[in-house]
Protein backbone atom coordinates (compact mmCIF):
# COMPACT_ATOMS: atom_id res chain seq x y z
CA MET A 1 71.33 -99.00 -124.25
CA THR A 2 71.93 -102.83 -124.59
CA LEU A 3 74.54 -105.01 -126.74
CA GLY A 4 73.16 -107.46 -128.86
CA GLY A 5 73.24 -110.99 -128.44
CA GLU A 6 75.12 -113.81 -129.82
CA ASP A 7 73.39 -113.54 -133.35
CA GLY A 8 75.07 -110.59 -134.29
CA GLU A 9 72.67 -108.39 -133.84
CA PRO A 10 74.12 -104.54 -133.35
CA ALA A 11 73.65 -102.77 -130.17
CA SER A 12 70.40 -101.45 -129.27
CA PHE A 13 69.44 -97.84 -128.28
CA GLY A 14 66.54 -98.80 -126.58
CA ASP A 15 63.49 -100.96 -127.87
CA ASP A 16 63.75 -99.39 -131.46
CA ARG A 17 66.89 -98.65 -131.26
CA THR A 18 66.82 -95.40 -131.41
CA TYR A 19 67.61 -92.88 -128.99
CA ALA A 20 68.26 -88.87 -128.24
CA MET A 21 71.17 -87.39 -126.67
CA ASP A 22 71.04 -84.01 -125.67
CA HIS A 23 73.99 -82.33 -123.42
CA GLY A 24 73.54 -78.89 -123.08
CA MET A 25 75.83 -77.96 -125.54
CA SER A 26 73.75 -76.47 -128.32
CA THR A 27 70.91 -73.68 -127.71
CA ASP A 28 69.13 -74.73 -130.88
CA PRO A 29 66.81 -76.95 -129.55
CA LEU A 30 67.06 -79.15 -133.06
CA LEU A 31 67.98 -82.58 -131.56
CA ALA A 32 68.55 -85.66 -133.89
CA THR A 33 67.77 -88.73 -133.36
CA ILE A 34 70.88 -91.42 -133.35
CA GLN A 35 69.89 -95.04 -134.50
CA GLN A 36 72.15 -97.87 -135.18
CA LEU A 37 71.58 -99.59 -138.51
CA SER A 38 70.97 -103.68 -138.41
CA GLN A 39 70.25 -105.83 -141.40
CA THR A 40 66.95 -104.47 -141.86
CA ASP A 41 68.06 -101.24 -142.72
CA ILE A 42 68.68 -100.84 -146.00
CA GLY A 43 67.29 -97.80 -147.09
CA LEU A 44 68.79 -96.04 -144.35
CA ALA A 45 72.23 -97.06 -145.38
CA ARG A 46 71.94 -96.01 -148.78
CA ALA A 47 70.72 -92.69 -147.46
CA LEU A 48 73.69 -92.66 -145.32
CA LEU A 49 75.73 -93.46 -148.59
CA ASN A 50 74.11 -90.49 -149.88
CA VAL A 51 74.89 -88.38 -147.33
CA PHE A 52 78.27 -89.22 -147.35
CA GLY A 53 78.85 -88.53 -151.41
CA THR A 54 77.31 -85.25 -150.67
CA ALA A 55 79.48 -84.34 -147.89
CA PHE A 56 82.62 -85.32 -149.12
CA GLU A 57 82.00 -84.30 -152.79
CA ASP A 58 82.33 -87.81 -154.15
CA GLU A 59 79.57 -89.44 -155.68
CA THR A 60 81.17 -91.74 -157.51
CA THR A 61 82.91 -93.79 -154.87
CA TYR A 62 79.83 -93.33 -152.15
CA ASP A 63 77.18 -94.82 -155.32
CA ALA A 64 74.29 -95.99 -153.15
CA SER A 65 73.29 -98.21 -155.74
CA ALA A 66 76.76 -100.02 -155.94
CA SER A 67 76.54 -102.36 -153.28
CA SER A 68 73.67 -104.82 -153.51
CA ASP A 69 71.29 -105.58 -151.07
CA VAL A 70 72.69 -109.09 -150.01
CA TYR A 71 76.23 -107.51 -149.51
CA LEU A 72 74.25 -104.18 -147.22
CA LYS A 73 72.65 -107.03 -145.44
CA LYS A 74 75.68 -108.96 -144.54
CA LEU A 75 77.44 -106.01 -143.68
CA LEU A 76 75.28 -104.65 -141.14
CA THR A 77 75.03 -108.19 -139.82
CA ARG A 78 78.38 -107.94 -138.67
CA GLN A 79 79.41 -106.84 -135.13
CA HIS A 80 82.70 -105.40 -136.20
CA PHE A 81 80.71 -103.04 -138.41
CA ILE A 82 79.04 -100.23 -136.77
CA ALA A 83 76.54 -97.81 -138.48
CA LEU A 84 74.87 -95.17 -137.21
CA VAL A 85 72.58 -92.30 -138.80
CA ALA A 86 71.43 -89.02 -137.53
CA LEU A 87 67.49 -88.44 -138.22
CA VAL A 88 66.08 -85.29 -138.26
CA ASP A 89 61.91 -85.52 -139.06
CA GLY A 90 63.00 -88.79 -140.43
CA GLU A 91 65.74 -87.92 -142.89
CA VAL A 92 69.01 -88.95 -142.63
CA VAL A 93 71.31 -85.95 -142.21
CA GLY A 94 74.36 -87.51 -140.81
CA GLY A 95 76.19 -90.72 -139.82
CA LEU A 96 79.28 -92.27 -139.22
CA ALA A 97 80.53 -95.73 -140.42
CA ALA A 98 83.07 -97.39 -137.99
CA TYR A 99 84.62 -100.89 -137.16
CA GLU A 100 85.92 -102.54 -134.11
CA MET A 101 89.05 -104.20 -134.20
CA GLU A 102 90.52 -106.59 -131.93
CA LYS A 103 94.20 -106.11 -131.14
CA LEU A 104 96.90 -108.87 -130.79
CA GLU A 105 99.00 -107.29 -128.04
CA GLN A 106 96.21 -107.46 -125.12
CA GLU A 107 92.66 -108.45 -124.83
CA ARG A 108 91.09 -105.01 -125.90
CA SER A 109 89.38 -103.41 -129.13
CA GLU A 110 89.47 -100.51 -130.40
CA ILE A 111 86.88 -98.67 -132.12
CA TYR A 112 88.00 -96.57 -136.08
CA ILE A 113 85.47 -93.86 -136.58
CA TYR A 114 86.24 -94.25 -140.83
CA ASP A 115 83.59 -92.03 -142.14
CA LEU A 116 81.70 -89.23 -140.30
CA ALA A 117 79.61 -86.84 -142.14
CA VAL A 118 76.84 -84.20 -141.45
CA LEU A 119 75.07 -82.22 -144.36
CA GLU A 120 75.98 -78.90 -144.99
CA ASN A 121 72.67 -77.15 -143.72
CA HIS A 122 72.48 -79.22 -140.51
CA ARG A 123 75.89 -78.87 -139.40
CA ARG A 124 76.78 -76.13 -136.36
CA LYS A 125 74.17 -78.31 -134.48
CA HIS A 126 76.20 -80.48 -132.23
CA ILE A 127 74.89 -83.63 -135.08
CA ALA A 128 78.22 -84.70 -135.41
CA THR A 129 79.04 -84.71 -131.65
CA GLN A 130 75.92 -86.56 -130.83
CA LEU A 131 77.23 -89.46 -133.58
CA ILE A 132 80.43 -89.70 -131.38
CA ASN A 133 78.84 -89.86 -127.98
CA ALA A 134 77.31 -92.56 -129.27
CA VAL A 135 80.04 -94.89 -130.59
CA ARG A 136 81.80 -93.91 -127.40
CA GLU A 137 78.74 -95.05 -125.40
CA ILE A 138 78.95 -98.57 -128.00
CA ALA A 139 82.47 -98.69 -127.30
CA ALA A 140 81.94 -98.69 -123.50
CA ASN A 141 79.32 -101.26 -123.64
CA ARG A 142 81.26 -103.55 -125.84
CA GLY A 143 84.84 -102.99 -123.55
CA ALA A 144 86.68 -101.15 -126.15
CA TRP A 145 89.97 -99.54 -125.36
CA VAL A 146 89.34 -96.48 -127.26
CA VAL A 147 87.84 -94.65 -129.84
CA PHE A 148 89.61 -93.04 -132.91
CA VAL A 149 89.40 -91.16 -135.64
CA GLN A 150 91.85 -89.37 -138.37
CA ALA A 151 91.45 -86.04 -139.75
CA ASP A 152 92.88 -84.88 -143.27
CA HIS A 153 95.24 -81.94 -143.09
CA GLY A 154 93.24 -78.77 -143.78
CA ASP A 155 90.20 -79.81 -142.40
CA ASP A 156 89.93 -77.55 -140.10
CA PRO A 157 86.05 -78.00 -138.55
CA ALA A 158 86.80 -81.57 -138.47
CA ILE A 159 90.24 -81.29 -136.89
CA ALA A 160 88.45 -78.38 -133.91
CA LEU A 161 85.55 -81.11 -133.59
CA TYR A 162 88.05 -84.41 -132.77
CA SER A 163 90.31 -81.54 -130.77
CA GLY A 164 87.50 -80.62 -128.30
CA LEU A 165 86.80 -84.51 -127.65
CA GLY A 166 89.93 -86.10 -128.01
CA THR A 167 93.91 -86.18 -127.71
CA ARG A 168 95.42 -85.47 -131.00
CA ALA A 169 98.67 -87.85 -132.42
CA ASP A 170 100.14 -86.40 -135.21
CA VAL A 171 100.70 -89.57 -137.32
CA LEU A 172 101.28 -90.61 -140.93
CA HIS A 173 99.07 -92.83 -143.83
CA PHE A 174 99.81 -94.64 -146.00
CA ASP A 175 97.73 -96.71 -148.88
CA ILE A 176 99.47 -99.79 -150.12
CA ALA A 177 98.14 -101.58 -153.24
CA VAL A 178 97.02 -104.97 -152.83
CA ALA A 179 99.50 -107.47 -154.38
CA GLY A 180 99.41 -108.08 -158.46
CA ASP A 181 97.30 -104.50 -158.18
CA GLU A 182 99.64 -101.81 -158.34
CA LYS A 183 97.30 -99.13 -159.34
CA ASP A 184 97.40 -95.55 -158.11
CA THR A 185 95.73 -95.00 -155.08
CA GLY A 186 95.51 -91.13 -155.38
CA GLN A 187 96.23 -90.64 -151.81
CA GLY A 188 99.64 -89.45 -151.82
C-alpha cells in the first residue's frame, strides 16, 4: 500500500486500489475486497450511502441522491476524508467513512471512524474487521497516532467488535447546535 502523492489522491492498495486481507480469523472462505474510494468512484460512494441507510435503518439521512456528484467528488479528493468499501462479487456490502484530524498539542493526527456498516446478510464474516484493519494500515502509513471509533449504548455487536480490537474509553458525546440554529439535534 502506498500513500497518495501531493495531488490529494487517497492512499492506494496496489495498482488498482484494492486488496484483500485474510488474517485467518474466519473459516468462511468468502473474503471481501476492500477498496479506498477516489474522486472517480461516485457510484461506489452512492452505493456506500445506500449500505449505511439500510444498515442504520435511516435512509433519509443517508439518501444517496441527496449529494451532488460535484460535492461527492470534492469530498473524495480531500486528504482528510477516508472512504472504504467492502466488495463481494462486485457489490458494495459494507464500508466506512473516517476522518483524519490533525492535532494542535503535538505534531500528530488521529483517525476517527465516523460510520461503519456491513449489510445484515454479510455480517459475522469479519468484513468489519477487514475494514478496520485497512484503515489501521492507512493510519500507519500517514503516521497517525491512533484510530478511534464510538459505539452507542446497546449496540452490543459493535461494542464486542471494538472491544476485541482496542481499549475502551467511556466518554460522553454532546451535539451542540450551530449558532443561530437552535433546532433540536435529536441526539440527547
